[in-house]
């Protein structure tokens, strides 16, 4: 594996852990795809630093388990905003 990929995987994991970031937030921060973030954390980092990979995985698992709640809140906000706009 190329050195820059290893460094990126470590940087991504540290970012996720420090910021409690989602895959989408991390992808935006690093300018890469969500698929690359996922692959770096779940596959590549496992070979480089298993303990760091496990820590990042915990954060991602929590985020994944909560995503339906965030989605519901976003939908609620969307419709509340639409309703407010129609009243004006």
PDB file of N, CA and C in Angstrom:
ATOM      1  N   UNK A   1       0.841  -1.174   0.000  1.00  0.00           N
ATOM      2  CA  UNK A   1       0.000   0.000   0.000  1.00  0.00           C
ATOM      3  C   UNK A   1       0.890   1.243   0.000  1.00  0.00           C
ATOM      4  N   UNK A   2       0.483   2.242  -0.758  1.00  0.00           N
ATOM      5  CA  UNK A   2       1.265   3.468  -0.861  1.00  0.00           C
ATOM      6  C   UNK A   2       1.237   4.230   0.465  1.00  0.00           C
ATOM      7  N   UNK A   3       2.335   4.937   0.727  1.00  0.00           N
ATOM      8  CA  UNK A   3       2.448   5.667   1.989  1.00  0.00           C
ATOM      9  C   UNK A   3       1.343   6.696   2.171  1.00  0.00           C
ATOM     10  N   UNK A   4       1.001   7.429   1.104  1.00  0.00           N
ATOM     11  CA  UNK A   4      -0.002   8.484   1.245  1.00  0.00           C
ATOM     12  C   UNK A   4      -1.372   7.907   1.581  1.00  0.00           C
ATOM     13  N   UNK A   5      -1.647   6.698   1.116  1.00  0.00           N
ATOM     14  CA  UNK A   5      -2.925   6.062   1.441  1.00  0.00           C
ATOM     15  C   UNK A   5      -2.955   5.676   2.921  1.00  0.00           C
ATOM     16  N   UNK A   6      -1.842   5.156   3.416  1.00  0.00           N
ATOM     17  CA  UNK A   6      -1.756   4.806   4.836  1.00  0.00           C
ATOM     18  C   UNK A   6      -1.927   6.047   5.705  1.00  0.00           C
ATOM     19  N   UNK A   7      -1.255   7.123   5.327  1.00  0.00           N
ATOM     20  CA  UNK A   7      -1.367   8.382   6.079  1.00  0.00           C
ATOM     21  C   UNK A   7      -2.796   8.902   6.048  1.00  0.00           C
ATOM     22  N   UNK A   8      -3.419   8.845   4.881  1.00  0.00           N
ATOM     23  CA  UNK A   8      -4.798   9.309   4.745  1.00  0.00           C
ATOM     24  C   UNK A   8      -5.724   8.485   5.632  1.00  0.00           C
ATOM     25  N   UNK A   9      -5.547   7.181   5.660  1.00  0.00           N
ATOM     26  CA  UNK A   9      -6.402   6.313   6.480  1.00  0.00           C
ATOM     27  C   UNK A   9      -6.263   6.668   7.961  1.00  0.00           C
ATOM     28  N   UNK A  10      -5.061   6.927   8.398  1.00  0.00           N
ATOM     29  CA  UNK A  10      -4.822   7.305   9.797  1.00  0.00           C
ATOM     30  C   UNK A  10      -5.428   8.675  10.080  1.00  0.00           C
ATOM     31  N   UNK A  11      -5.227   9.626   9.168  1.00  0.00           N
ATOM     32  CA  UNK A  11      -5.800  10.969   9.336  1.00  0.00           C
ATOM     33  C   UNK A  11      -7.327  10.913   9.394  1.00  0.00           C
ATOM     34  N   UNK A  12      -7.909  10.103   8.524  1.00  0.00           N
ATOM     35  CA  UNK A  12      -9.360   9.957   8.494  1.00  0.00           C
ATOM     36  C   UNK A  12      -9.866   9.388   9.820  1.00  0.00           C
ATOM     37  N   UNK A  13      -9.231   8.355  10.311  1.00  0.00           N
ATOM     38  CA  UNK A  13      -9.655   7.741  11.575  1.00  0.00           C
ATOM     39  C   UNK A  13      -9.545   8.740  12.721  1.00  0.00           C
ATOM     40  N   UNK A  14      -8.449   9.473  12.768  1.00  0.00           N
ATOM     41  CA  UNK A  14      -8.284  10.468  13.830  1.00  0.00           C
ATOM     42  C   UNK A  14      -9.348  11.551  13.743  1.00  0.00           C
ATOM     43  N   UNK A  15      -9.671  11.981  12.539  1.00  0.00           N
ATOM     44  CA  UNK A  15     -10.705  12.994  12.346  1.00  0.00           C
ATOM     45  C   UNK A  15     -12.062  12.483  12.825  1.00  0.00           C
ATOM     46  N   UNK A  16     -12.393  11.263  12.455  1.00  0.00           N
ATOM     47  CA  UNK A  16     -13.673  10.666  12.854  1.00  0.00           C
ATOM     48  C   UNK A  16     -13.763  10.585  14.377  1.00  0.00           C
ATOM     49  N   UNK A  17     -12.697  10.143  15.006  1.00  0.00           N
ATOM     50  CA  UNK A  17     -12.693   9.974  16.469  1.00  0.00           C
ATOM     51  C   UNK A  17     -12.761  11.329  17.173  1.00  0.00           C
ATOM     52  N   UNK A  18     -11.941  12.280  16.744  1.00  0.00           N
ATOM     53  CA  UNK A  18     -11.873  13.581  17.410  1.00  0.00           C
ATOM     54  C   UNK A  18     -13.159  14.392  17.238  1.00  0.00           C
ATOM     55  N   UNK A  19     -13.801  14.274  16.070  1.00  0.00           N
ATOM     56  CA  UNK A  19     -14.966  15.100  15.772  1.00  0.00           C
ATOM     57  C   UNK A  19     -16.288  14.347  15.824  1.00  0.00           C
ATOM     58  N   UNK A  20     -16.226  13.076  16.180  1.00  0.00           N
ATOM     59  CA  UNK A  20     -17.426  12.235  16.188  1.00  0.00           C
ATOM     60  C   UNK A  20     -18.150  12.376  14.841  1.00  0.00           C
ATOM     61  N   UNK A  21     -17.368  12.356  13.786  1.00  0.00           N
ATOM     62  CA  UNK A  21     -17.851  12.681  12.445  1.00  0.00           C
ATOM     63  C   UNK A  21     -18.497  11.484  11.759  1.00  0.00           C
ATOM     64  N   UNK A  22     -19.419  11.801  10.861  1.00  0.00           N
ATOM     65  CA  UNK A  22     -20.036  10.785  10.032  1.00  0.00           C
ATOM     66  C   UNK A  22     -19.155  10.536   8.804  1.00  0.00           C
ATOM     67  N   UNK A  23     -19.469   9.491   8.073  1.00  0.00           N
ATOM     68  CA  UNK A  23     -18.743   9.198   6.843  1.00  0.00           C
ATOM     69  C   UNK A  23     -18.902  10.358   5.865  1.00  0.00           C
ATOM     70  N   UNK A  24     -20.103  10.891   5.763  1.00  0.00           N
ATOM     71  CA  UNK A  24     -20.373  11.996   4.837  1.00  0.00           C
ATOM     72  C   UNK A  24     -19.585  13.243   5.220  1.00  0.00           C
ATOM     73  N   UNK A  25     -19.560  13.582   6.505  1.00  0.00           N
ATOM     74  CA  UNK A  25     -18.792  14.747   6.953  1.00  0.00           C
ATOM     75  C   UNK A  25     -17.306  14.558   6.682  1.00  0.00           C
ATOM     76  N   UNK A  26     -16.816  13.368   6.943  1.00  0.00           N
ATOM     77  CA  UNK A  26     -15.405  13.071   6.734  1.00  0.00           C
ATOM     78  C   UNK A  26     -15.046  13.143   5.261  1.00  0.00           C
ATOM     79  N   UNK A  27     -15.890  12.595   4.413  1.00  0.00           N
ATOM     80  CA  UNK A  27     -15.649  12.641   2.971  1.00  0.00           C
ATOM     81  C   UNK A  27     -15.570  14.084   2.490  1.00  0.00           C
ATOM     82  N   UNK A  28     -16.459  14.926   2.980  1.00  0.00           N
ATOM     83  CA  UNK A  28     -16.442  16.330   2.599  1.00  0.00           C
ATOM     84  C   UNK A  28     -15.197  17.044   3.076  1.00  0.00           C
ATOM     85  N   UNK A  29     -14.786  16.736   4.281  1.00  0.00           N
ATOM     86  CA  UNK A  29     -13.592  17.372   4.854  1.00  0.00           C
ATOM     87  C   UNK A  29     -12.336  17.017   4.068  1.00  0.00           C
ATOM     88  N   UNK A  30     -12.233  15.763   3.631  1.00  0.00           N
ATOM     89  CA  UNK A  30     -11.025  15.305   2.954  1.00  0.00           C
ATOM     90  C   UNK A  30     -11.132  15.371   1.432  1.00  0.00           C
ATOM     91  N   UNK A  31     -12.310  15.701   0.923  1.00  0.00           N
ATOM     92  CA  UNK A  31     -12.488  15.801  -0.516  1.00  0.00           C
ATOM     93  C   UNK A  31     -12.399  14.463  -1.228  1.00  0.00           C
ATOM     94  N   UNK A  32     -12.916  13.427  -0.577  1.00  0.00           N
ATOM     95  CA  UNK A  32     -12.914  12.086  -1.162  1.00  0.00           C
ATOM     96  C   UNK A  32     -14.334  11.523  -1.074  1.00  0.00           C
ATOM     97  N   UNK A  33     -14.553  10.378  -1.679  1.00  0.00           N
ATOM     98  CA  UNK A  33     -15.886   9.785  -1.672  1.00  0.00           C
ATOM     99  C   UNK A  33     -16.172   9.072  -0.345  1.00  0.00           C
ATOM    100  N   UNK A  34     -17.463   8.880  -0.085  1.00  0.00           N
ATOM    101  CA  UNK A  34     -17.867   8.143   1.109  1.00  0.00           C
ATOM    102  C   UNK A  34     -17.337   6.708   1.051  1.00  0.00           C
ATOM    103  N   UNK A  35     -17.305   6.157  -0.156  1.00  0.00           N
ATOM    104  CA  UNK A  35     -16.802   4.786  -0.321  1.00  0.00           C
ATOM    105  C   UNK A  35     -15.340   4.684   0.083  1.00  0.00           C
ATOM    106  N   UNK A  36     -14.568   5.693  -0.267  1.00  0.00           N
ATOM    107  CA  UNK A  36     -13.142   5.698   0.076  1.00  0.00           C
ATOM    108  C   UNK A  36     -12.960   5.812   1.582  1.00  0.00           C
ATOM    109  N   UNK A  37     -13.753   6.667   2.220  1.00  0.00           N
ATOM    110  CA  UNK A  37     -13.683   6.792   3.680  1.00  0.00           C
ATOM    111  C   UNK A  37     -13.979   5.443   4.312  1.00  0.00           C
ATOM    112  N   UNK A  38     -15.042   4.820   3.871  1.00  0.00           N
ATOM    113  CA  UNK A  38     -15.440   3.533   4.444  1.00  0.00           C
ATOM    114  C   UNK A  38     -14.356   2.485   4.236  1.00  0.00           C
ATOM    115  N   UNK A  39     -13.813   2.409   3.033  1.00  0.00           N
ATOM    116  CA  UNK A  39     -12.775   1.421   2.734  1.00  0.00           C
ATOM    117  C   UNK A  39     -11.507   1.680   3.546  1.00  0.00           C
ATOM    118  N   UNK A  40     -11.132   2.957   3.664  1.00  0.00           N
ATOM    119  CA  UNK A  40      -9.939   3.298   4.443  1.00  0.00           C
ATOM    120  C   UNK A  40     -10.083   2.853   5.892  1.00  0.00           C
ATOM    121  N   UNK A  41     -11.250   3.090   6.477  1.00  0.00           N
ATOM    122  CA  UNK A  41     -11.438   2.790   7.893  1.00  0.00           C
ATOM    123  C   UNK A  41     -11.645   1.297   8.132  1.00  0.00           C
ATOM    124  N   UNK A  42     -12.444   0.648   7.297  1.00  0.00           N
ATOM    125  CA  UNK A  42     -12.796  -0.749   7.578  1.00  0.00           C
ATOM    126  C   UNK A  42     -11.790  -1.758   7.054  1.00  0.00           C
ATOM    127  N   UNK A  43     -11.100  -1.446   5.967  1.00  0.00           N
ATOM    128  CA  UNK A  43     -10.178  -2.429   5.392  1.00  0.00           C
ATOM    129  C   UNK A  43      -8.716  -2.028   5.550  1.00  0.00           C
ATOM    130  N   UNK A  44      -8.363  -0.881   5.025  1.00  0.00           N
ATOM    131  CA  UNK A  44      -6.955  -0.480   5.002  1.00  0.00           C
ATOM    132  C   UNK A  44      -6.404  -0.235   6.400  1.00  0.00           C
ATOM    133  N   UNK A  45      -7.152   0.494   7.217  1.00  0.00           N
ATOM    134  CA  UNK A  45      -6.671   0.831   8.551  1.00  0.00           C
ATOM    135  C   UNK A  45      -6.554  -0.409   9.431  1.00  0.00           C
ATOM    136  N   UNK A  46      -7.387  -1.381   9.176  1.00  0.00           N
ATOM    137  CA  UNK A  46      -7.329  -2.633   9.938  1.00  0.00           C
ATOM    138  C   UNK A  46      -5.952  -3.287   9.802  1.00  0.00           C
ATOM    139  N   UNK A  47      -5.344  -3.163   8.646  1.00  0.00           N
ATOM    140  CA  UNK A  47      -4.010  -3.729   8.414  1.00  0.00           C
ATOM    141  C   UNK A  47      -2.908  -2.860   9.017  1.00  0.00           C
ATOM    142  N   UNK A  48      -3.135  -1.553   9.064  1.00  0.00           N
ATOM    143  CA  UNK A  48      -2.114  -0.612   9.517  1.00  0.00           C
ATOM    144  C   UNK A  48      -2.108  -0.483  11.041  1.00  0.00           C
ATOM    145  N   UNK A  49      -3.293  -0.229  11.598  1.00  0.00           N
ATOM    146  CA  UNK A  49      -3.414   0.040  13.033  1.00  0.00           C
ATOM    147  C   UNK A  49      -4.772  -0.471  13.525  1.00  0.00           C
ATOM    148  N   UNK A  50      -4.846  -1.735  13.902  1.00  0.00           N
ATOM    149  CA  UNK A  50      -6.128  -2.335  14.281  1.00  0.00           C
ATOM    150  C   UNK A  50      -6.836  -1.629  15.445  1.00  0.00           C
ATOM    151  N   UNK A  51      -6.081  -1.143  16.422  1.00  0.00           N
ATOM    152  CA  UNK A  51      -6.735  -0.492  17.564  1.00  0.00           C
ATOM    153  C   UNK A  51      -7.362   0.843  17.160  1.00  0.00           C
ATOM    154  N   UNK A  52      -6.690   1.599  16.305  1.00  0.00           N
ATOM    155  CA  UNK A  52      -7.250   2.861  15.800  1.00  0.00           C
ATOM    156  C   UNK A  52      -8.476   2.574  14.934  1.00  0.00           C
ATOM    157  N   UNK A  53      -8.397   1.521  14.149  1.00  0.00           N
ATOM    158  CA  UNK A  53      -9.528   1.121  13.307  1.00  0.00           C
ATOM    159  C   UNK A  53     -10.738   0.776  14.170  1.00  0.00           C
ATOM    160  N   UNK A  54     -10.515   0.105  15.270  1.00  0.00           N
ATOM    161  CA  UNK A  54     -11.613  -0.275  16.167  1.00  0.00           C
ATOM    162  C   UNK A  54     -12.260   0.949  16.799  1.00  0.00           C
ATOM    163  N   UNK A  55     -11.442   1.935  17.181  1.00  0.00           N
ATOM    164  CA  UNK A  55     -11.985   3.168  17.773  1.00  0.00           C
ATOM    165  C   UNK A  55     -12.839   3.925  16.758  1.00  0.00           C
ATOM    166  N   UNK A  56     -12.334   4.050  15.545  1.00  0.00           N
ATOM    167  CA  UNK A  56     -13.076   4.753  14.495  1.00  0.00           C
ATOM    168  C   UNK A  56     -14.349   3.987  14.159  1.00  0.00           C
ATOM    169  N   UNK A  57     -14.250   2.683  14.151  1.00  0.00           N
ATOM    170  CA  UNK A  57     -15.414   1.844  13.831  1.00  0.00           C
ATOM    171  C   UNK A  57     -16.526   2.039  14.853  1.00  0.00           C
ATOM    172  N   UNK A  58     -16.158   2.198  16.133  1.00  0.00           N
ATOM    173  CA  UNK A  58     -17.153   2.426  17.176  1.00  0.00           C
ATOM    174  C   UNK A  58     -17.944   3.700  16.887  1.00  0.00           C
ATOM    175  N   UNK A  59     -17.234   4.767  16.529  1.00  0.00           N
ATOM    176  CA  UNK A  59     -17.900   6.041  16.223  1.00  0.00           C
ATOM    177  C   UNK A  59     -18.820   5.869  15.023  1.00  0.00           C
ATOM    178  N   UNK A  60     -18.324   5.216  13.985  1.00  0.00           N
ATOM    179  CA  UNK A  60     -19.139   5.029  12.784  1.00  0.00           C
ATOM    180  C   UNK A  60     -20.354   4.152  13.062  1.00  0.00           C
ATOM    181  N   UNK A  61     -20.205   3.162  13.908  1.00  0.00           N
ATOM    182  CA  UNK A  61     -21.338   2.299  14.249  1.00  0.00           C
ATOM    183  C   UNK A  61     -22.421   3.078  15.002  1.00  0.00           C
ATOM    184  N   UNK A  62     -22.004   3.945  15.917  1.00  0.00           N
ATOM    185  CA  UNK A  62     -22.973   4.780  16.641  1.00  0.00           C
ATOM    186  C   UNK A  62     -23.676   5.701  15.654  1.00  0.00           C
ATOM    187  N   UNK A  63     -22.898   6.337  14.775  1.00  0.00           N
ATOM    188  CA  UNK A  63     -23.491   7.234  13.783  1.00  0.00           C
ATOM    189  C   UNK A  63     -24.476   6.492  12.887  1.00  0.00           C
ATOM    190  N   UNK A  64     -24.115   5.287  12.512  1.00  0.00           N
ATOM    191  CA  UNK A  64     -25.002   4.500  11.650  1.00  0.00           C
ATOM    192  C   UNK A  64     -26.297   4.150  12.372  1.00  0.00           C
ATOM    193  N   UNK A  65     -26.182   3.829  13.646  1.00  0.00           N
ATOM    194  CA  UNK A  65     -27.384   3.465  14.399  1.00  0.00           C
ATOM    195  C   UNK A  65     -28.297   4.667  14.638  1.00  0.00           C
ATOM    196  N   UNK A  66     -27.741   5.877  14.565  1.00  0.00           N
ATOM    197  CA  UNK A  66     -28.526   7.090  14.803  1.00  0.00           C
ATOM    198  C   UNK A  66     -28.968   7.777  13.519  1.00  0.00           C
ATOM    199  N   UNK A  67     -28.550   7.309  12.375  1.00  0.00           N
ATOM    200  CA  UNK A  67     -28.812   8.060  11.150  1.00  0.00           C
ATOM    201  C   UNK A  67     -30.293   8.162  10.815  1.00  0.00           C
ATOM    202  N   UNK A  68     -31.079   7.158  11.166  1.00  0.00           N
ATOM    203  CA  UNK A  68     -32.512   7.252  10.887  1.00  0.00           C
ATOM    204  C   UNK A  68     -33.154   8.376  11.700  1.00  0.00           C
ATOM    205  N   UNK A  69     -32.612   8.635  12.874  1.00  0.00           N
ATOM    206  CA  UNK A  69     -33.125   9.726  13.707  1.00  0.00           C
ATOM    207  C   UNK A  69     -32.776  11.072  13.076  1.00  0.00           C
ATOM    208  N   UNK A  70     -31.521  11.217  12.642  1.00  0.00           N
ATOM    209  CA  UNK A  70     -31.110  12.465  11.990  1.00  0.00           C
ATOM    210  C   UNK A  70     -31.910  12.698  10.711  1.00  0.00           C
ATOM    211  N   UNK A  71     -32.167  11.647   9.975  1.00  0.00           N
ATOM    212  CA  UNK A  71     -32.952  11.773   8.748  1.00  0.00           C
ATOM    213  C   UNK A  71     -34.366  12.221   9.032  1.00  0.00           C
ATOM    214  N   UNK A  72     -34.959  11.671  10.072  1.00  0.00           N
ATOM    215  CA  UNK A  72     -36.302  12.064  10.461  1.00  0.00           C
ATOM    216  C   UNK A  72     -36.357  13.509  10.916  1.00  0.00           C
ATOM    217  N   UNK A  73     -35.344  13.933  11.646  1.00  0.00           N
ATOM    218  CA  UNK A  73     -35.296  15.324  12.095  1.00  0.00           C
ATOM    219  C   UNK A  73     -35.138  16.268  10.911  1.00  0.00           C
ATOM    220  N   UNK A  74     -34.317  15.897   9.943  1.00  0.00           N
ATOM    221  CA  UNK A  74     -34.127  16.733   8.760  1.00  0.00           C
ATOM    222  C   UNK A  74     -35.423  16.852   7.969  1.00  0.00           C
ATOM    223  N   UNK A  75     -36.148  15.756   7.845  1.00  0.00           N
ATOM    224  CA  UNK A  75     -37.427  15.781   7.132  1.00  0.00           C
ATOM    225  C   UNK A  75     -38.429  16.660   7.876  1.00  0.00           C
ATOM    226  N   UNK A  76     -38.451  16.545   9.173  1.00  0.00           N
ATOM    227  CA  UNK A  76     -39.351  17.369   9.981  1.00  0.00           C
ATOM    228  C   UNK A  76     -39.049  18.853   9.777  1.00  0.00           C
ATOM    229  N   UNK A  77     -37.772  19.210   9.847  1.00  0.00           N
ATOM    230  CA  UNK A  77     -37.364  20.606   9.637  1.00  0.00           C
ATOM    231  C   UNK A  77     -37.770  21.099   8.251  1.00  0.00           C
ATOM    232  N   UNK A  78     -37.611  20.246   7.269  1.00  0.00           N
ATOM    233  CA  UNK A  78     -37.952  20.606   5.894  1.00  0.00           C
ATOM    234  C   UNK A  78     -39.432  20.971   5.790  1.00  0.00           C
ATOM    235  N   UNK A  79     -40.282  20.135   6.360  1.00  0.00           N
ATOM    236  CA  UNK A  79     -41.710  20.387   6.259  1.00  0.00           C
ATOM    237  C   UNK A  79     -42.161  21.537   7.153  1.00  0.00           C
ATOM    238  N   UNK A  80     -41.522  21.716   8.295  1.00  0.00           N
ATOM    239  CA  UNK A  80     -41.835  22.876   9.136  1.00  0.00           C
ATOM    240  C   UNK A  80     -41.484  24.166   8.405  1.00  0.00           C
ATOM    241  N   UNK A  81     -40.357  24.163   7.738  1.00  0.00           N
ATOM    242  CA  UNK A  81     -39.928  25.335   6.980  1.00  0.00           C
ATOM    243  C   UNK A  81     -40.903  25.619   5.831  1.00  0.00           C
ATOM    244  N   UNK A  82     -41.320  24.576   5.145  1.00  0.00           N
ATOM    245  CA  UNK A  82     -42.286  24.740   4.051  1.00  0.00           C
ATOM    246  C   UNK A  82     -43.607  25.312   4.572  1.00  0.00           C
ATOM    247  N   UNK A  83     -44.031  24.808   5.723  1.00  0.00           N
ATOM    248  CA  UNK A  83     -45.284  25.276   6.309  1.00  0.00           C
ATOM    249  C   UNK A  83     -45.173  26.759   6.693  1.00  0.00           C
ATOM    250  N   UNK A  84     -44.046  27.148   7.274  1.00  0.00           N
ATOM    251  CA  UNK A  84     -43.830  28.542   7.637  1.00  0.00           C
ATOM    252  C   UNK A  84     -43.850  29.438   6.400  1.00  0.00           C
ATOM    253  N   UNK A  85     -43.252  28.969   5.328  1.00  0.00           N
ATOM    254  CA  UNK A  85     -43.193  29.756   4.100  1.00  0.00           C
ATOM    255  C   UNK A  85     -44.589  29.919   3.495  1.00  0.00           C
ATOM    256  N   UNK A  86     -45.430  28.903   3.612  1.00  0.00           N
ATOM    257  CA  UNK A  86     -46.773  28.984   3.031  1.00  0.00           C
ATOM    258  C   UNK A  86     -47.684  29.920   3.835  1.00  0.00           C
ATOM    259  N   UNK A  87     -47.344  30.140   5.095  1.00  0.00           N
ATOM    260  CA  UNK A  87     -48.134  31.033   5.931  1.00  0.00           C
ATOM    261  C   UNK A  87     -47.821  32.508   5.662  1.00  0.00           C
ATOM    262  N   UNK A  88     -46.707  32.756   5.031  1.00  0.00           N
ATOM    263  CA  UNK A  88     -46.293  34.144   4.803  1.00  0.00           C
ATOM    264  C   UNK A  88     -46.920  34.742   3.584  1.00  0.00           C
TER     265      UNK A  88
END
